[in-house]
Every structure is written in C-alpha cells, then in structure tokens.
Protein backbone atom coordinates (compact mmCIF):
# COMPACT_ATOMS: atom_id res chain seq x y z
CA UNK A 1 112.86 106.56 104.98
CA UNK A 2 111.19 109.89 104.75
CA UNK A 3 114.10 111.89 106.16
CA UNK A 4 116.20 114.47 104.39
CA UNK A 5 119.40 112.64 105.39
CA UNK A 6 118.25 109.54 103.49
CA UNK A 7 118.74 111.49 100.27
CA UNK A 8 122.42 111.87 100.97
CA UNK A 9 124.26 109.32 98.89
CA UNK A 10 126.98 108.73 101.48
CA UNK A 11 124.45 107.82 104.15
CA UNK A 12 122.50 105.60 101.77
CA UNK A 13 125.72 103.87 100.81
CA UNK A 14 126.59 103.26 104.47
CA UNK A 15 123.15 101.78 105.16
CA UNK A 16 123.31 99.64 102.05
CA UNK A 17 126.75 98.34 103.09
CA UNK A 18 125.38 97.38 106.51
CA UNK A 19 122.49 95.47 105.01
CA UNK A 20 124.74 93.73 102.52
CA UNK A 21 127.17 92.77 105.30
CA UNK A 22 124.32 91.24 107.30
CA UNK A 23 123.06 89.26 104.30
CA UNK A 24 126.01 88.81 101.91
CA UNK A 25 124.23 85.95 100.15
CA UNK A 26 121.44 88.28 98.99
CA UNK A 27 122.50 90.24 95.91
CA UNK A 28 120.12 93.16 96.27
CA UNK A 29 120.76 96.25 94.16
CA UNK A 30 120.81 99.71 95.67
CA UNK A 31 117.70 100.85 93.81
CA UNK A 32 115.52 98.15 95.35
CA UNK A 33 117.00 98.85 98.80
CA UNK A 34 116.40 102.58 98.44
CA UNK A 35 112.81 101.94 97.33
CA UNK A 36 112.02 99.99 100.49
CA UNK A 37 113.90 102.53 102.58
CA UNK A 38 111.69 105.29 101.18
CA UNK A 39 108.59 103.41 102.33
CA UNK A 40 109.85 103.23 105.92
CA UNK A 41 108.67 105.76 108.46
CA UNK A 42 110.43 105.56 111.84
CA UNK A 43 108.74 107.19 114.78
CA UNK A 44 109.75 110.87 115.09
CA UNK A 45 110.76 110.36 118.72
CA UNK A 46 113.00 107.38 117.97
CA UNK A 47 115.80 108.56 115.73
CA UNK A 48 117.89 105.50 116.57
CA UNK A 49 115.26 103.23 115.00
CA UNK A 50 116.69 103.92 111.55
CA UNK A 51 120.09 102.65 112.60
CA UNK A 52 118.83 99.51 114.32
CA UNK A 53 116.37 98.47 111.60
CA UNK A 54 118.59 98.76 108.53
CA UNK A 55 119.34 95.03 108.37
CA UNK A 56 115.62 94.25 108.65
CA UNK A 57 114.81 96.69 105.86
CA UNK A 58 117.49 95.14 103.65
CA UNK A 59 116.01 91.66 104.10
CA UNK A 60 112.49 92.97 103.49
CA UNK A 61 113.66 94.69 100.30
CA UNK A 62 115.23 91.43 99.14
CA UNK A 63 111.96 89.58 99.77
CA UNK A 64 109.96 92.22 97.91
CA UNK A 65 112.40 92.05 94.99
CA UNK A 66 112.12 88.22 95.00
CA UNK A 67 115.88 87.84 95.35
CA UNK A 68 116.91 84.18 95.27
CA UNK A 69 117.15 82.66 98.77
CA UNK A 70 115.54 85.71 100.44
CA UNK A 71 112.27 83.94 101.21
CA UNK A 72 114.10 80.91 102.62
CA UNK A 73 116.30 83.08 104.84
CA UNK A 74 113.21 84.97 105.99
CA UNK A 75 111.40 81.74 106.93
CA UNK A 76 114.45 80.23 108.62
CA UNK A 77 115.04 83.32 110.74
CA UNK A 78 111.50 84.34 111.63
CA UNK A 79 109.51 81.12 111.24
CA UNK A 80 110.07 80.03 114.87
CA UNK A 81 108.86 83.41 116.16
CA UNK A 82 105.74 83.25 113.99
CA UNK A 83 105.00 79.70 115.16
CA UNK A 84 105.40 80.65 118.81
CA UNK A 85 103.05 83.59 118.33
CA UNK A 86 100.40 81.26 116.88
CA UNK A 87 100.91 78.65 119.58
CA UNK A 88 99.77 81.18 122.20
CA UNK A 89 96.33 81.45 120.59
CA UNK A 90 95.02 77.93 121.40
CA UNK A 91 94.73 76.91 117.77
CA UNK A 92 94.81 73.25 116.82
CA UNK A 93 98.03 71.95 115.26
CA UNK A 94 96.33 71.63 111.88
CA UNK A 95 94.89 75.14 112.09
CA UNK A 96 98.29 76.57 113.05
CA UNK A 97 99.95 74.84 110.11
CA UNK A 98 97.35 76.11 107.65
CA UNK A 99 97.44 79.62 109.09
CA UNK A 100 101.24 79.75 109.04
CA UNK A 101 101.29 78.80 105.36
CA UNK A 102 98.61 81.37 104.62
CA UNK A 103 100.65 83.99 106.45
CA UNK A 104 103.74 83.31 104.35
CA UNK A 105 101.67 83.61 101.18
CA UNK A 106 100.21 86.94 102.31
CA UNK A 107 103.56 88.23 103.50
CA UNK A 108 105.82 87.14 100.65
CA UNK A 109 103.56 86.53 97.64
CA UNK A 110 100.43 88.61 98.06
CA UNK A 111 97.11 88.01 96.37
CA UNK A 112 95.41 88.93 93.13
CA UNK A 113 94.25 92.16 94.74
CA UNK A 114 97.00 92.91 97.26
CA UNK A 115 100.76 93.28 97.17
CA UNK A 116 102.95 91.22 99.54
CA UNK A 117 102.25 92.42 103.06
CA UNK A 118 105.96 92.47 103.89
CA UNK A 119 106.20 95.51 101.63
CA UNK A 120 104.29 97.55 104.23
CA UNK A 121 106.93 97.03 106.91
CA UNK A 122 107.75 100.56 108.06
CA UNK A 123 110.71 99.97 110.35
CA UNK A 124 109.17 101.58 113.43
CA UNK A 125 109.67 98.34 115.37
CA UNK A 126 112.04 95.41 114.89
CA UNK A 127 110.90 93.11 112.10
CA UNK A 128 110.52 90.25 114.59
CA UNK A 129 108.12 92.30 116.71
CA UNK A 130 106.14 93.41 113.66
CA UNK A 131 105.78 89.82 112.45
CA UNK A 132 104.57 88.66 115.85
CA UNK A 133 101.82 91.27 115.72
CA UNK A 134 100.87 90.26 112.15
CA UNK A 135 100.73 86.59 113.17
CA UNK A 136 98.68 87.33 116.27
CA UNK A 137 96.23 89.42 114.27
CA UNK A 138 95.75 86.60 111.78
CA UNK A 139 95.34 84.06 114.56
CA UNK A 140 92.82 86.19 116.40
CA UNK A 141 90.80 86.63 113.23
CA UNK A 142 90.48 82.84 112.95
CA UNK A 143 89.30 82.62 116.55
CA UNK A 144 86.52 85.22 116.35
CA UNK A 145 83.81 82.58 116.66
CA UNK A 146 85.45 81.18 119.80
CA UNK A 147 85.60 84.46 121.66
CA UNK A 148 82.16 84.23 123.24
CA UNK A 149 83.81 84.44 126.66
CA UNK A 150 85.20 87.88 125.79
CA UNK A 151 81.78 89.07 124.67
CA UNK A 152 80.24 87.66 127.87
CA UNK A 153 82.83 89.47 129.98
CA UNK A 154 82.10 92.63 128.02
CA UNK A 155 78.38 92.27 128.68
CA UNK A 156 78.82 91.56 132.38
CA UNK A 157 81.15 94.52 132.83
CA UNK A 158 78.75 96.76 130.91
CA UNK A 159 75.91 95.69 133.20
CA UNK A 160 77.98 96.46 136.31
CA UNK A 161 78.82 99.87 134.92
CA UNK A 162 75.19 100.56 134.01
CA UNK A 163 74.15 99.65 137.53
CA UNK A 164 76.83 101.87 139.09
CA UNK A 165 75.67 104.85 137.03
CA UNK A 166 71.94 104.32 136.69
CA UNK A 167 71.16 102.37 139.87
CA UNK A 168 70.17 98.73 140.56
CA UNK A 169 69.03 96.87 137.46
CA UNK A 170 65.84 95.81 139.26
CA UNK A 171 64.65 99.40 139.03
CA UNK A 172 64.95 99.40 135.24
CA UNK A 173 62.78 97.09 133.17
CA UNK A 174 64.89 97.99 130.14
CA UNK A 175 68.23 97.26 131.81
CA UNK A 176 69.39 95.26 128.82
CA UNK A 177 68.76 98.23 126.57
CA UNK A 178 70.89 100.45 128.80
CA UNK A 179 73.70 97.93 128.60
CA UNK A 180 73.59 97.82 124.81
CA UNK A 181 73.57 101.61 124.64
CA UNK A 182 76.59 102.03 126.88
CA UNK A 183 78.81 99.30 125.48
CA UNK A 184 79.35 100.83 122.00
CA UNK A 185 80.32 104.15 123.55
CA UNK A 186 82.98 102.47 125.66
CA UNK A 187 84.36 100.56 122.68
CA UNK A 188 84.43 103.65 120.51
CA UNK A 189 86.23 105.69 123.13
CA UNK A 190 88.81 102.95 123.71
CA UNK A 191 89.40 102.52 119.99
CA UNK A 192 89.96 106.24 119.57
CA UNK A 193 92.32 106.40 122.53
CA UNK A 194 94.30 103.41 121.24
CA UNK A 195 94.53 104.87 117.74
CA UNK A 196 96.01 108.08 119.14
CA UNK A 197 98.93 106.27 120.77
CA UNK A 198 102.36 106.51 119.11
CA UNK A 199 103.04 103.48 116.89
CA UNK A 200 105.73 102.04 119.14
CA UNK A 201 103.50 102.16 122.21
CA UNK A 202 100.68 100.45 120.32
CA UNK A 203 102.99 97.67 119.19
CA UNK A 204 104.55 97.06 122.59
CA UNK A 205 101.17 97.06 124.33
CA UNK A 206 99.78 94.64 121.74
CA UNK A 207 102.73 92.29 122.18
CA UNK A 208 102.30 92.30 125.94
CA UNK A 209 98.51 92.02 126.13
CA UNK A 210 97.86 89.65 123.22
CA UNK A 211 101.17 87.85 122.90
CA UNK A 212 101.88 87.58 126.59
CA UNK A 213 105.39 88.94 126.06
CA UNK A 214 107.11 89.88 129.30
CA UNK A 215 109.28 92.92 129.81
CA UNK A 216 112.48 90.88 129.53
CA UNK A 217 111.50 89.51 126.13
CA UNK A 218 110.35 92.89 124.87
CA UNK A 219 113.57 94.45 126.12
CA UNK A 220 115.56 91.96 124.02
CA UNK A 221 113.38 92.68 120.98
CA UNK A 222 113.92 96.43 121.19
CA UNK A 223 117.46 96.42 122.53
CA UNK A 224 116.55 98.44 125.62
CA UNK A 225 116.40 97.77 129.36
CA UNK A 226 113.38 96.06 130.98
CA UNK A 227 112.75 99.23 132.98
CA UNK A 228 112.41 101.17 129.72
CA UNK A 229 109.80 98.68 128.46
CA UNK A 230 107.93 99.00 131.76
CA UNK A 231 107.85 102.78 131.35
CA UNK A 232 106.61 102.48 127.76
CA UNK A 233 103.77 100.16 128.81
CA UNK A 234 102.84 102.25 131.84
CA UNK A 235 102.72 105.41 129.75
CA UNK A 236 100.62 103.69 127.08
CA UNK A 237 98.08 102.41 129.59
CA UNK A 238 97.91 105.73 131.41
CA UNK A 239 97.41 107.60 128.14
CA UNK A 240 94.63 105.22 127.05
CA UNK A 241 92.78 105.41 130.34
CA UNK A 242 93.04 109.18 130.62
CA UNK A 243 91.93 109.80 127.03
CA UNK A 244 89.07 107.31 127.32
CA UNK A 245 87.98 108.88 130.60
CA UNK A 246 87.89 112.32 128.98
CA UNK A 247 85.94 111.11 125.95
CA UNK A 248 83.33 109.20 127.95
CA UNK A 249 82.90 111.94 130.52
CA UNK A 250 82.10 114.39 127.72
CA UNK A 251 79.95 112.00 125.69
CA UNK A 252 77.81 110.80 128.60
CA UNK A 253 77.90 114.10 130.55
CA UNK A 254 78.96 112.34 133.72
CA UNK A 255 79.91 113.73 137.10
CA UNK A 256 83.43 112.96 138.36
CA UNK A 257 82.02 110.22 140.60
CA UNK A 258 80.12 108.63 137.73
CA UNK A 259 83.21 108.83 135.56
CA UNK A 260 85.17 107.00 138.25
CA UNK A 261 82.62 104.19 138.11
CA UNK A 262 83.09 103.95 134.37
CA UNK A 263 86.80 103.24 134.65
CA UNK A 264 86.21 99.73 135.96
CA UNK A 265 84.57 98.90 132.66
CA UNK A 266 87.28 100.66 130.70
CA UNK A 267 89.94 98.55 132.41
CA UNK A 268 88.00 95.35 131.70
CA UNK A 269 87.71 96.30 128.02
CA UNK A 270 91.32 97.31 127.54
CA UNK A 271 92.71 93.88 126.69
CA UNK A 272 89.87 93.08 124.29
CA UNK A 273 90.34 96.41 122.53
CA UNK A 274 94.10 95.96 122.17
CA UNK A 275 93.51 92.51 120.69
CA UNK A 276 91.15 94.06 118.13
CA UNK A 277 93.53 96.90 117.29
CA UNK A 278 94.86 97.13 113.76
CA UNK A 279 98.60 97.71 113.77
CA UNK A 280 99.50 98.90 110.25
CA UNK A 281 103.19 99.06 109.48
CA UNK A 282 104.20 98.64 113.09
C-alpha cells in the first residue's frame, strides 16, 4: 500500500505472517505479496482498513500469482456471495450461470487485452463487498435492454420537473424538447456528484441501492455498528444531493424556488445513477 510504513520490513513481515496464517495452504512468497500490497490504496480517512484487509490482499496476491489452490479457495469462499448478488438482478438461471463463469474468467484469468480484474483490488473495502459490486455491475450490464422501466421513470420525472420550472406542458408545443434538454443536465450533475464521493461511501451506497443490502448486513461486512453504516449512507446521500443542487442551480441559473423543484427529479434519478456508477478498485 502506498504508505511510508509499508516500506518498513518489520511491518511487511507482520502483515505477511497474518496473511500466511489465514491461508497456510497457499505458499505465496513475500515478493508477490508485497507487489499486491503496493497496488492497494486504502482511503486516507480509514487507517484501520490496512489492518482489516491484509488477509484479503494475501488471497488476492495468491490468485494473481496463480498459486495452486488459490482459485479454488477464492471460489469456495466468495462464490456464494457472488451468486446471491446475481440472484437479486432477476436474471434467468441459465444467464446467472453463464455470467458467473464469465466473472470468474475476468477476475482470475483475464483476457487477451486485460489482466485479471482481481489484480485491481485496492483494499479500500472488504474483498467480499468489492466482489458484490463487481458482480452487480456485470449483471446490470447484461440487463441494459430490460431497463426500459427505468428510462420511462426518468422521462416521467423529467417531464414533471420541466412542468414545475417552465409551467404546464400544454403551454409548450415543444415540451418533449424541453424534457430532453433537461435530462442530460441532471444525469451529468448526478454523475459528477457521485464521482466526488469518497470511495467507501460510493461502495456502501452502491451495495445498498443496487444490491439491496441492509444496514445490518453492511455492518457485518465492514466490521462496524449498524448506526455507523446509517451515518455513512446518510452523509453520502446528503453530499450527493447538495452537490447536485449546487451544480444544477448554477448551470440552469435557477432561483431557490426553482432549484427546490428540481430536487424531486434528482431524488428520482439517484438510484439509477448509483446503479450506473463505475466503482474502480472499491
């Protein structure tokens, strides 16, 4: 991990010993472990993340190094979590099976043009949480064609917002044009606000909105209390809404009252935008 303390041999040795104790059957050398450790970037405000993710990083390093039995241990431990994540996305049994196999290939083998995705694990969140996000992203990508209801909701909300700002649609022959002009601005503002969130907040919000994870489950994942998870989510949502409000108010040159009207649309778009959010190295 990109910390000065990681360079200290005594600390590296302690971390290596912890990983080896967790997975004694995986004969990973220190060089390979240190290489994966150097690719990890814990959140600056979560110094304890390094300590709690060492075992995950050790297993990831073993998978990257193609250590015998590492892939099997990985699938045995995290396969059920990946399957449950896919089951929430209304995929057929056959589609889930195909997607799960494709995920393992991407994660552990890679492609002709890309390294194994597991190599990008940065240790900012527990490996289980990161894998759930990866699985959900892959599942959502396969369901793009079936998300007409989300686009319809987007359009309806955009029309309501256009009416609240510009007046009744009957007074505007080009009401549909107004709707199409406003919608991209809302999406862009939301995407920017989401991207500015700290990595941990993005991951937790994604797990809750897309994966349907409750605070109790998230608390177990992160080893914190449910009230802490609730605070993280509340802060993330408040930060997104405030930042989006500021961006749209400036972009559209709205009065405070008009900006208030906009926030109904922002709230309706929040879940769709989180589902579309890329979560690199969560």
